[in-house]
Amino acid sequence: MRVLVACEFSGIVREAFRARGHDAWSCDLLPADDNSLFHIQADVLKLINAGWDMMIAHPPCTHLAVSGARWFKDKQLEQAEAIAFFMSLIAAKIPKIVVENPISIMSTRYRKPDQIIQPWQFGHGETKATCLWLKGLQPLEPANIVSGREARIHKLPPSKDRWKLRSMTYPGIAKAMAEQWG
């Protein structure tokens, strides 16, 4: 299966699908953290109609996540652009699509997510509610429920890479995606 992992620089989801034999590619405006040859540094909207069977999209949440609601009034243009980008991904003519984001305004601007998952359902003893909007896919089944409910990501101290650390997909979630949807 040809899989596009949109807005991914880490390669975590891409590599989970490649490990299962899929022709998976990541695409982001940033270079790949792992220097993979299977990463395209470009605007994903220019690649979206290239005959993919599945797309797993991680659009930036900066102007969508309700955790930043106090700044929304000052970022109306940025928010409108973020909503349009999210909608371009969800409307792509790809048979199987998942768009993930944290709890966000997309629940009212588009529709409620099909599923909300937590890292502790997939082998990581942490909390980080992640919404999934699905097209042509079934909800993920918890694959490795573990104890522990630490909000580690939420508590990260300020740093130049904080945004990157907060945006990466947990490997257990990526593995479950590849196993269940691949």
N, C-alpha and C. Protein backbone atom coordinates (compact mmCIF):
# COMPACT_ATOMS: atom_id res chain seq x y z
N MET A 1 0.84 -1.17 0.00
CA MET A 1 0.00 0.00 0.00
C MET A 1 0.90 1.24 0.00
N ARG A 2 0.51 2.26 -0.76
CA ARG A 2 1.24 3.54 -0.80
C ARG A 2 0.68 4.44 0.29
N VAL A 3 1.52 4.79 1.24
CA VAL A 3 1.09 5.56 2.41
C VAL A 3 1.84 6.88 2.46
N LEU A 4 1.07 7.97 2.58
CA LEU A 4 1.64 9.30 2.76
C LEU A 4 1.42 9.70 4.22
N VAL A 5 2.50 10.05 4.89
CA VAL A 5 2.40 10.55 6.26
C VAL A 5 2.67 12.05 6.18
N ALA A 6 1.59 12.80 6.20
CA ALA A 6 1.66 14.25 5.99
C ALA A 6 2.04 14.98 7.26
N CYS A 7 2.89 15.97 7.10
CA CYS A 7 3.31 16.83 8.21
C CYS A 7 4.03 16.02 9.28
N GLU A 8 4.93 15.16 8.86
CA GLU A 8 5.73 14.37 9.79
C GLU A 8 7.20 14.55 9.45
N PHE A 9 7.96 15.04 10.41
CA PHE A 9 9.41 15.20 10.25
C PHE A 9 10.18 14.13 11.02
N SER A 10 9.51 13.48 11.99
CA SER A 10 10.21 12.51 12.86
C SER A 10 10.43 11.16 12.18
N GLY A 11 9.53 10.77 11.29
CA GLY A 11 9.63 9.47 10.63
C GLY A 11 9.05 8.32 11.44
N ILE A 12 8.48 8.59 12.60
CA ILE A 12 7.99 7.53 13.48
C ILE A 12 6.86 6.74 12.82
N VAL A 13 5.87 7.42 12.28
CA VAL A 13 4.74 6.72 11.64
C VAL A 13 5.19 6.10 10.32
N ARG A 14 5.96 6.85 9.55
CA ARG A 14 6.46 6.32 8.27
C ARG A 14 7.20 5.01 8.48
N GLU A 15 8.10 4.98 9.44
CA GLU A 15 8.90 3.78 9.67
C GLU A 15 8.08 2.61 10.20
N ALA A 16 7.02 2.89 10.95
CA ALA A 16 6.14 1.80 11.42
C ALA A 16 5.47 1.12 10.23
N PHE A 17 5.06 1.91 9.23
CA PHE A 17 4.43 1.32 8.04
C PHE A 17 5.48 0.65 7.15
N ARG A 18 6.65 1.24 7.01
CA ARG A 18 7.71 0.63 6.20
C ARG A 18 8.13 -0.71 6.80
N ALA A 19 8.16 -0.81 8.13
CA ALA A 19 8.54 -2.06 8.80
C ALA A 19 7.56 -3.19 8.47
N ARG A 20 6.35 -2.85 8.08
CA ARG A 20 5.34 -3.85 7.71
C ARG A 20 5.26 -4.03 6.19
N GLY A 21 6.23 -3.46 5.45
CA GLY A 21 6.32 -3.70 4.02
C GLY A 21 5.59 -2.71 3.13
N HIS A 22 5.10 -1.63 3.68
CA HIS A 22 4.37 -0.65 2.88
C HIS A 22 5.32 0.37 2.25
N ASP A 23 4.90 0.93 1.13
CA ASP A 23 5.64 1.98 0.45
C ASP A 23 5.23 3.31 1.11
N ALA A 24 5.80 3.58 2.28
CA ALA A 24 5.40 4.74 3.08
C ALA A 24 6.41 5.86 2.95
N TRP A 25 5.87 7.07 2.84
CA TRP A 25 6.68 8.28 2.69
C TRP A 25 6.16 9.34 3.64
N SER A 26 7.08 10.06 4.28
CA SER A 26 6.69 11.22 5.07
C SER A 26 6.92 12.47 4.23
N CYS A 27 6.19 13.51 4.58
CA CYS A 27 6.32 14.79 3.88
C CYS A 27 6.14 15.91 4.90
N ASP A 28 7.04 16.87 4.87
CA ASP A 28 6.94 18.02 5.77
C ASP A 28 7.75 19.16 5.17
N LEU A 29 7.47 20.36 5.63
CA LEU A 29 8.28 21.50 5.22
C LEU A 29 9.68 21.42 5.83
N LEU A 30 9.80 20.67 6.92
CA LEU A 30 11.09 20.47 7.58
C LEU A 30 11.80 19.24 7.03
N PRO A 31 13.11 19.18 7.15
CA PRO A 31 13.81 17.96 6.77
C PRO A 31 13.50 16.84 7.76
N ALA A 32 13.73 15.61 7.36
CA ALA A 32 13.50 14.46 8.24
C ALA A 32 14.52 14.45 9.36
N ASP A 33 14.05 14.24 10.58
CA ASP A 33 14.95 14.12 11.72
C ASP A 33 15.90 12.93 11.57
N ASP A 34 15.43 11.89 10.88
CA ASP A 34 16.24 10.67 10.75
C ASP A 34 17.01 10.61 9.42
N ASN A 35 17.02 11.70 8.66
CA ASN A 35 17.72 11.79 7.38
C ASN A 35 17.31 10.71 6.38
N SER A 36 16.08 10.25 6.48
CA SER A 36 15.59 9.18 5.62
C SER A 36 15.50 9.60 4.16
N LEU A 37 15.74 8.65 3.29
CA LEU A 37 15.53 8.86 1.86
C LEU A 37 14.04 8.79 1.52
N PHE A 38 13.22 8.35 2.47
CA PHE A 38 11.79 8.18 2.24
C PHE A 38 11.00 9.36 2.81
N HIS A 39 11.62 10.53 2.80
CA HIS A 39 11.02 11.77 3.27
C HIS A 39 11.08 12.79 2.15
N ILE A 40 9.98 13.47 1.95
CA ILE A 40 9.91 14.52 0.93
C ILE A 40 9.75 15.85 1.66
N GLN A 41 10.71 16.74 1.47
CA GLN A 41 10.63 18.05 2.09
C GLN A 41 9.94 18.98 1.11
N ALA A 42 8.64 19.19 1.35
CA ALA A 42 7.82 19.98 0.44
C ALA A 42 6.48 20.28 1.09
N ASP A 43 5.69 21.08 0.39
CA ASP A 43 4.31 21.35 0.78
C ASP A 43 3.50 20.10 0.43
N VAL A 44 2.90 19.48 1.41
CA VAL A 44 2.17 18.22 1.19
C VAL A 44 1.01 18.40 0.22
N LEU A 45 0.44 19.59 0.13
CA LEU A 45 -0.70 19.79 -0.78
C LEU A 45 -0.29 19.62 -2.25
N LYS A 46 1.01 19.76 -2.54
CA LYS A 46 1.50 19.54 -3.90
C LYS A 46 1.66 18.06 -4.22
N LEU A 47 1.61 17.20 -3.21
CA LEU A 47 1.78 15.75 -3.39
C LEU A 47 0.50 14.96 -3.15
N ILE A 48 -0.51 15.62 -2.69
CA ILE A 48 -1.69 14.93 -2.17
C ILE A 48 -2.45 14.11 -3.22
N ASN A 49 -2.32 14.48 -4.47
CA ASN A 49 -3.04 13.77 -5.54
C ASN A 49 -2.15 12.84 -6.34
N ALA A 50 -1.15 12.26 -5.70
CA ALA A 50 -0.17 11.41 -6.41
C ALA A 50 -0.50 9.92 -6.30
N GLY A 51 -1.76 9.56 -6.12
CA GLY A 51 -2.15 8.16 -6.13
C GLY A 51 -1.89 7.40 -4.85
N TRP A 52 -2.03 8.04 -3.72
CA TRP A 52 -1.83 7.37 -2.43
C TRP A 52 -3.03 6.51 -2.08
N ASP A 53 -2.80 5.42 -1.36
CA ASP A 53 -3.87 4.56 -0.87
C ASP A 53 -4.34 5.00 0.52
N MET A 54 -3.43 5.61 1.26
CA MET A 54 -3.74 6.06 2.62
C MET A 54 -2.92 7.30 2.94
N MET A 55 -3.53 8.17 3.75
CA MET A 55 -2.80 9.32 4.26
C MET A 55 -3.06 9.42 5.77
N ILE A 56 -1.99 9.57 6.50
CA ILE A 56 -2.06 9.85 7.93
C ILE A 56 -1.50 11.25 8.08
N ALA A 57 -2.35 12.20 8.47
CA ALA A 57 -1.96 13.60 8.48
C ALA A 57 -1.89 14.15 9.90
N HIS A 58 -0.85 14.92 10.13
CA HIS A 58 -0.60 15.55 11.43
C HIS A 58 -0.48 17.07 11.23
N PRO A 59 -1.57 17.75 10.85
CA PRO A 59 -1.44 19.19 10.59
C PRO A 59 -1.04 19.95 11.86
N PRO A 60 -0.31 21.04 11.70
CA PRO A 60 0.08 21.83 12.86
C PRO A 60 -1.16 22.26 13.66
N CYS A 61 -1.02 22.20 14.98
CA CYS A 61 -2.16 22.49 15.84
C CYS A 61 -2.08 23.86 16.51
N THR A 62 -1.01 24.60 16.25
CA THR A 62 -0.76 25.86 16.95
C THR A 62 -1.98 26.78 16.98
N HIS A 63 -2.69 26.90 15.88
CA HIS A 63 -3.81 27.83 15.79
C HIS A 63 -5.16 27.13 15.89
N LEU A 64 -5.15 25.83 16.23
CA LEU A 64 -6.38 25.05 16.32
C LEU A 64 -6.66 24.51 17.73
N ALA A 65 -5.62 24.12 18.45
CA ALA A 65 -5.77 23.46 19.75
C ALA A 65 -6.42 24.39 20.77
N VAL A 66 -7.38 23.86 21.51
CA VAL A 66 -8.06 24.69 22.50
C VAL A 66 -7.13 25.12 23.63
N SER A 67 -6.00 24.45 23.78
CA SER A 67 -5.03 24.87 24.80
C SER A 67 -4.51 26.28 24.52
N GLY A 68 -4.63 26.74 23.28
CA GLY A 68 -4.19 28.10 22.93
C GLY A 68 -5.34 29.06 22.71
N ALA A 69 -6.52 28.73 23.20
CA ALA A 69 -7.73 29.53 22.94
C ALA A 69 -7.58 30.99 23.38
N ARG A 70 -6.82 31.25 24.41
CA ARG A 70 -6.71 32.64 24.89
C ARG A 70 -6.06 33.56 23.85
N TRP A 71 -5.36 32.98 22.87
CA TRP A 71 -4.72 33.79 21.83
C TRP A 71 -5.52 33.84 20.52
N PHE A 72 -6.63 33.13 20.43
CA PHE A 72 -7.37 33.03 19.18
C PHE A 72 -7.78 34.40 18.63
N LYS A 73 -8.22 35.30 19.48
CA LYS A 73 -8.71 36.60 19.01
C LYS A 73 -7.63 37.41 18.29
N ASP A 74 -6.38 37.14 18.62
CA ASP A 74 -5.27 37.87 17.99
C ASP A 74 -4.70 37.15 16.78
N LYS A 75 -5.24 35.98 16.45
CA LYS A 75 -4.68 35.17 15.36
C LYS A 75 -5.77 34.71 14.39
N GLN A 76 -6.70 35.55 14.07
CA GLN A 76 -7.82 35.12 13.25
C GLN A 76 -7.40 34.70 11.84
N LEU A 77 -6.47 35.41 11.22
CA LEU A 77 -5.99 35.04 9.88
C LEU A 77 -5.24 33.72 9.93
N GLU A 78 -4.34 33.56 10.90
CA GLU A 78 -3.59 32.31 11.04
C GLU A 78 -4.53 31.13 11.31
N GLN A 79 -5.55 31.37 12.11
CA GLN A 79 -6.50 30.31 12.41
C GLN A 79 -7.30 29.93 11.16
N ALA A 80 -7.73 30.91 10.39
CA ALA A 80 -8.48 30.63 9.15
C ALA A 80 -7.61 29.80 8.19
N GLU A 81 -6.34 30.13 8.10
CA GLU A 81 -5.43 29.37 7.24
C GLU A 81 -5.24 27.95 7.76
N ALA A 82 -5.15 27.78 9.07
CA ALA A 82 -4.98 26.44 9.67
C ALA A 82 -6.23 25.59 9.43
N ILE A 83 -7.39 26.19 9.55
CA ILE A 83 -8.65 25.47 9.29
C ILE A 83 -8.71 25.05 7.82
N ALA A 84 -8.36 25.94 6.92
CA ALA A 84 -8.38 25.62 5.48
C ALA A 84 -7.41 24.48 5.16
N PHE A 85 -6.23 24.49 5.78
CA PHE A 85 -5.26 23.43 5.56
C PHE A 85 -5.79 22.10 6.06
N PHE A 86 -6.33 22.08 7.28
CA PHE A 86 -6.94 20.86 7.84
C PHE A 86 -8.01 20.33 6.89
N MET A 87 -8.87 21.21 6.41
CA MET A 87 -9.97 20.79 5.52
C MET A 87 -9.45 20.28 4.17
N SER A 88 -8.35 20.85 3.68
CA SER A 88 -7.74 20.34 2.44
C SER A 88 -7.25 18.92 2.62
N LEU A 89 -6.71 18.62 3.79
CA LEU A 89 -6.24 17.26 4.06
C LEU A 89 -7.41 16.29 4.16
N ILE A 90 -8.43 16.65 4.91
CA ILE A 90 -9.57 15.74 5.11
C ILE A 90 -10.34 15.53 3.80
N ALA A 91 -10.31 16.50 2.90
CA ALA A 91 -11.06 16.41 1.64
C ALA A 91 -10.26 15.74 0.51
N ALA A 92 -9.05 15.34 0.77
CA ALA A 92 -8.21 14.73 -0.27
C ALA A 92 -8.89 13.50 -0.86
N LYS A 93 -8.65 13.27 -2.12
CA LYS A 93 -9.23 12.11 -2.81
C LYS A 93 -8.32 10.90 -2.62
N ILE A 94 -8.23 10.47 -1.39
CA ILE A 94 -7.44 9.31 -0.99
C ILE A 94 -8.42 8.38 -0.26
N PRO A 95 -8.45 7.09 -0.59
CA PRO A 95 -9.46 6.19 0.00
C PRO A 95 -9.44 6.09 1.52
N LYS A 96 -8.27 6.11 2.12
CA LYS A 96 -8.17 5.98 3.57
C LYS A 96 -7.41 7.18 4.12
N ILE A 97 -8.06 7.89 5.05
CA ILE A 97 -7.45 9.09 5.62
C ILE A 97 -7.69 9.11 7.12
N VAL A 98 -6.66 9.50 7.84
CA VAL A 98 -6.81 9.87 9.25
C VAL A 98 -6.10 11.21 9.42
N VAL A 99 -6.81 12.15 10.03
CA VAL A 99 -6.21 13.43 10.39
C VAL A 99 -6.23 13.48 11.91
N GLU A 100 -5.05 13.72 12.50
CA GLU A 100 -4.96 13.76 13.97
C GLU A 100 -4.64 15.17 14.43
N ASN A 101 -5.16 15.49 15.59
CA ASN A 101 -4.90 16.78 16.23
C ASN A 101 -5.31 16.65 17.69
N PRO A 102 -4.81 17.52 18.54
CA PRO A 102 -5.30 17.49 19.91
C PRO A 102 -6.74 18.01 19.97
N ILE A 103 -7.29 18.09 21.16
CA ILE A 103 -8.62 18.67 21.32
C ILE A 103 -8.56 20.06 20.69
N SER A 104 -9.42 20.32 19.72
CA SER A 104 -9.29 21.56 18.96
C SER A 104 -10.64 22.10 18.54
N ILE A 105 -10.57 23.26 17.90
CA ILE A 105 -11.79 23.89 17.40
C ILE A 105 -12.37 23.14 16.21
N MET A 106 -11.65 22.16 15.67
CA MET A 106 -12.16 21.40 14.52
C MET A 106 -13.39 20.59 14.91
N SER A 107 -13.58 20.33 16.19
CA SER A 107 -14.78 19.62 16.65
C SER A 107 -16.04 20.43 16.39
N THR A 108 -15.91 21.76 16.33
CA THR A 108 -17.06 22.61 16.03
C THR A 108 -16.99 23.18 14.61
N ARG A 109 -15.80 23.43 14.11
CA ARG A 109 -15.67 24.00 12.77
C ARG A 109 -15.87 22.96 11.67
N TYR A 110 -15.59 21.70 11.97
CA TYR A 110 -15.76 20.60 11.02
C TYR A 110 -16.78 19.63 11.60
N ARG A 111 -16.35 18.76 12.46
CA ARG A 111 -17.24 17.82 13.17
C ARG A 111 -16.45 17.20 14.31
N LYS A 112 -17.15 16.53 15.19
CA LYS A 112 -16.47 15.86 16.30
C LYS A 112 -15.58 14.76 15.72
N PRO A 113 -14.47 14.44 16.39
CA PRO A 113 -13.60 13.38 15.89
C PRO A 113 -14.29 12.02 16.01
N ASP A 114 -13.84 11.08 15.21
CA ASP A 114 -14.35 9.71 15.28
C ASP A 114 -13.85 8.99 16.52
N GLN A 115 -12.71 9.43 17.04
CA GLN A 115 -12.09 8.74 18.16
C GLN A 115 -11.13 9.69 18.86
N ILE A 116 -10.99 9.50 20.16
CA ILE A 116 -9.96 10.18 20.94
C ILE A 116 -9.15 9.09 21.63
N ILE A 117 -7.84 9.09 21.36
CA ILE A 117 -6.96 8.07 21.92
C ILE A 117 -6.00 8.70 22.93
N GLN A 118 -5.39 7.84 23.75
CA GLN A 118 -4.41 8.26 24.74
C GLN A 118 -3.17 7.37 24.61
N PRO A 119 -1.98 7.91 24.87
CA PRO A 119 -0.76 7.09 24.80
C PRO A 119 -0.80 5.85 25.70
N TRP A 120 -1.43 5.94 26.88
CA TRP A 120 -1.48 4.81 27.81
C TRP A 120 -2.25 3.62 27.24
N GLN A 121 -3.01 3.83 26.18
CA GLN A 121 -3.72 2.73 25.52
C GLN A 121 -2.80 1.96 24.57
N PHE A 122 -1.59 2.50 24.35
CA PHE A 122 -0.67 1.94 23.36
C PHE A 122 0.75 1.78 23.91
N GLY A 123 0.84 1.51 25.22
CA GLY A 123 2.14 1.17 25.80
C GLY A 123 2.93 2.29 26.43
N HIS A 124 2.38 3.50 26.51
CA HIS A 124 3.10 4.63 27.08
C HIS A 124 2.30 5.16 28.27
N GLY A 125 2.85 5.16 29.45
CA GLY A 125 2.12 5.56 30.66
C GLY A 125 1.94 7.05 30.79
N GLU A 126 1.37 7.65 29.79
CA GLU A 126 1.21 9.11 29.76
C GLU A 126 -0.16 9.48 29.23
N THR A 127 -0.53 10.73 29.48
CA THR A 127 -1.77 11.27 28.92
C THR A 127 -1.43 12.30 27.85
N LYS A 128 -2.17 12.28 26.80
CA LYS A 128 -2.11 13.29 25.74
C LYS A 128 -3.28 12.96 24.80
N ALA A 129 -4.43 13.55 25.07
CA ALA A 129 -5.61 13.26 24.27
C ALA A 129 -5.34 13.63 22.81
N THR A 130 -5.56 12.68 21.93
CA THR A 130 -5.34 12.88 20.50
C THR A 130 -6.60 12.49 19.75
N CYS A 131 -7.15 13.45 19.01
CA CYS A 131 -8.37 13.22 18.24
C CYS A 131 -8.01 12.66 16.87
N LEU A 132 -8.84 11.74 16.40
CA LEU A 132 -8.66 11.15 15.07
C LEU A 132 -9.95 11.35 14.27
N TRP A 133 -9.83 11.97 13.11
CA TRP A 133 -10.93 12.07 12.16
C TRP A 133 -10.62 11.05 11.07
N LEU A 134 -11.52 10.10 10.88
CA LEU A 134 -11.27 8.94 10.01
C LEU A 134 -12.12 8.96 8.75
N LYS A 135 -11.54 8.47 7.66
CA LYS A 135 -12.26 8.27 6.40
C LYS A 135 -11.79 6.92 5.85
N GLY A 136 -12.71 5.96 5.73
CA GLY A 136 -12.37 4.65 5.19
C GLY A 136 -11.58 3.77 6.15
N LEU A 137 -11.54 4.12 7.42
CA LEU A 137 -10.79 3.37 8.43
C LEU A 137 -11.65 3.16 9.67
N GLN A 138 -11.39 2.06 10.36
CA GLN A 138 -12.06 1.79 11.63
C GLN A 138 -11.26 2.45 12.76
N PRO A 139 -11.91 2.76 13.87
CA PRO A 139 -11.17 3.29 15.02
C PRO A 139 -10.08 2.32 15.46
N LEU A 140 -9.00 2.87 16.00
CA LEU A 140 -7.92 2.05 16.54
C LEU A 140 -8.39 1.34 17.80
N GLU A 141 -8.01 0.08 17.92
CA GLU A 141 -8.28 -0.67 19.14
C GLU A 141 -7.07 -0.50 20.08
N PRO A 142 -7.29 -0.24 21.36
CA PRO A 142 -6.16 -0.18 22.28
C PRO A 142 -5.32 -1.44 22.14
N ALA A 143 -4.01 -1.28 22.05
CA ALA A 143 -3.13 -2.41 21.76
C ALA A 143 -2.26 -2.83 22.93
N ASN A 144 -2.10 -1.95 23.92
CA ASN A 144 -1.21 -2.28 25.04
C ASN A 144 -1.51 -1.30 26.17
N ILE A 145 -2.59 -1.53 26.89
CA ILE A 145 -2.99 -0.63 27.98
C ILE A 145 -2.01 -0.81 29.14
N VAL A 146 -1.45 0.31 29.58
CA VAL A 146 -0.50 0.29 30.68
C VAL A 146 -0.95 1.25 31.77
N SER A 147 -0.40 1.03 32.97
CA SER A 147 -0.71 1.95 34.07
C SER A 147 0.12 3.21 33.91
N GLY A 148 -0.21 4.17 34.73
CA GLY A 148 0.49 5.44 34.66
C GLY A 148 -0.30 6.44 33.85
N ARG A 149 -0.46 7.60 34.37
CA ARG A 149 -1.23 8.63 33.67
C ARG A 149 -0.54 9.98 33.83
N GLU A 150 0.74 10.01 33.53
CA GLU A 150 1.52 11.23 33.68
C GLU A 150 1.32 12.16 32.48
N ALA A 151 1.17 13.45 32.75
CA ALA A 151 1.03 14.44 31.68
C ALA A 151 2.40 15.00 31.32
N ARG A 152 3.33 14.13 30.98
CA ARG A 152 4.72 14.52 30.72
C ARG A 152 4.83 15.57 29.61
N ILE A 153 4.14 15.37 28.53
CA ILE A 153 4.22 16.30 27.39
C ILE A 153 3.72 17.68 27.79
N HIS A 154 2.64 17.72 28.53
CA HIS A 154 2.07 18.99 28.98
C HIS A 154 3.03 19.74 29.90
N LYS A 155 3.82 19.00 30.67
CA LYS A 155 4.70 19.59 31.66
C LYS A 155 6.11 19.91 31.15
N LEU A 156 6.35 19.70 29.86
CA LEU A 156 7.69 19.97 29.34
C LEU A 156 8.08 21.42 29.60
N PRO A 157 9.30 21.66 30.05
CA PRO A 157 9.73 23.04 30.29
C PRO A 157 9.97 23.76 28.96
N PRO A 158 9.95 25.08 29.00
CA PRO A 158 10.24 25.83 27.77
C PRO A 158 11.61 25.46 27.21
N SER A 159 11.66 25.34 25.88
CA SER A 159 12.93 25.09 25.18
C SER A 159 12.71 25.37 23.70
N LYS A 160 13.80 25.43 22.95
CA LYS A 160 13.67 25.69 21.51
C LYS A 160 13.03 24.52 20.78
N ASP A 161 13.11 23.31 21.33
CA ASP A 161 12.54 22.13 20.69
C ASP A 161 11.23 21.64 21.33
N ARG A 162 10.69 22.40 22.26
CA ARG A 162 9.48 21.97 22.96
C ARG A 162 8.36 21.64 21.98
N TRP A 163 8.14 22.48 20.98
CA TRP A 163 7.06 22.26 20.02
C TRP A 163 7.27 20.96 19.26
N LYS A 164 8.53 20.63 18.93
CA LYS A 164 8.81 19.37 18.22
C LYS A 164 8.51 18.17 19.11
N LEU A 165 8.96 18.23 20.34
CA LEU A 165 8.73 17.13 21.27
C LEU A 165 7.24 16.91 21.52
N ARG A 166 6.49 18.00 21.58
CA ARG A 166 5.04 17.90 21.84
C ARG A 166 4.29 17.36 20.62
N SER A 167 4.86 17.50 19.43
CA SER A 167 4.12 17.11 18.22
C SER A 167 4.40 15.69 17.74
N MET A 168 5.40 15.03 18.30
CA MET A 168 5.75 13.69 17.80
C MET A 168 4.75 12.62 18.24
N THR A 169 4.52 11.68 17.33
CA THR A 169 3.64 10.55 17.61
C THR A 169 4.38 9.53 18.46
N TYR A 170 3.70 9.00 19.45
CA TYR A 170 4.30 7.94 20.28
C TYR A 170 4.50 6.69 19.43
N PRO A 171 5.64 6.00 19.56
CA PRO A 171 5.90 4.80 18.77
C PRO A 171 4.83 3.72 18.92
N GLY A 172 4.27 3.55 20.09
CA GLY A 172 3.22 2.54 20.29
C GLY A 172 1.97 2.85 19.49
N ILE A 173 1.64 4.12 19.35
CA ILE A 173 0.49 4.52 18.54
C ILE A 173 0.80 4.28 17.06
N ALA A 174 2.00 4.64 16.63
CA ALA A 174 2.40 4.41 15.24
C ALA A 174 2.37 2.93 14.90
N LYS A 175 2.86 2.10 15.82
CA LYS A 175 2.87 0.65 15.59
C LYS A 175 1.44 0.11 15.46
N ALA A 176 0.55 0.59 16.33
CA ALA A 176 -0.86 0.15 16.26
C ALA A 176 -1.51 0.60 14.94
N MET A 177 -1.20 1.79 14.50
CA MET A 177 -1.72 2.27 13.21
C MET A 177 -1.28 1.34 12.08
N ALA A 178 0.01 1.02 12.05
CA ALA A 178 0.54 0.17 10.99
C ALA A 178 -0.04 -1.24 11.06
N GLU A 179 -0.16 -1.79 12.25
CA GLU A 179 -0.70 -3.13 12.41
C GLU A 179 -2.19 -3.21 12.08
N GLN A 180 -2.95 -2.23 12.53
CA GLN A 180 -4.40 -2.29 12.37
C GLN A 180 -4.91 -1.71 11.05
N TRP A 181 -4.23 -0.70 10.52
CA TRP A 181 -4.69 -0.09 9.28
C TRP A 181 -3.86 -0.53 8.07
N GLY A 182 -2.72 -1.15 8.32
CA GLY A 182 -1.87 -1.55 7.21
C GLY A 182 -2.17 -2.94 6.76
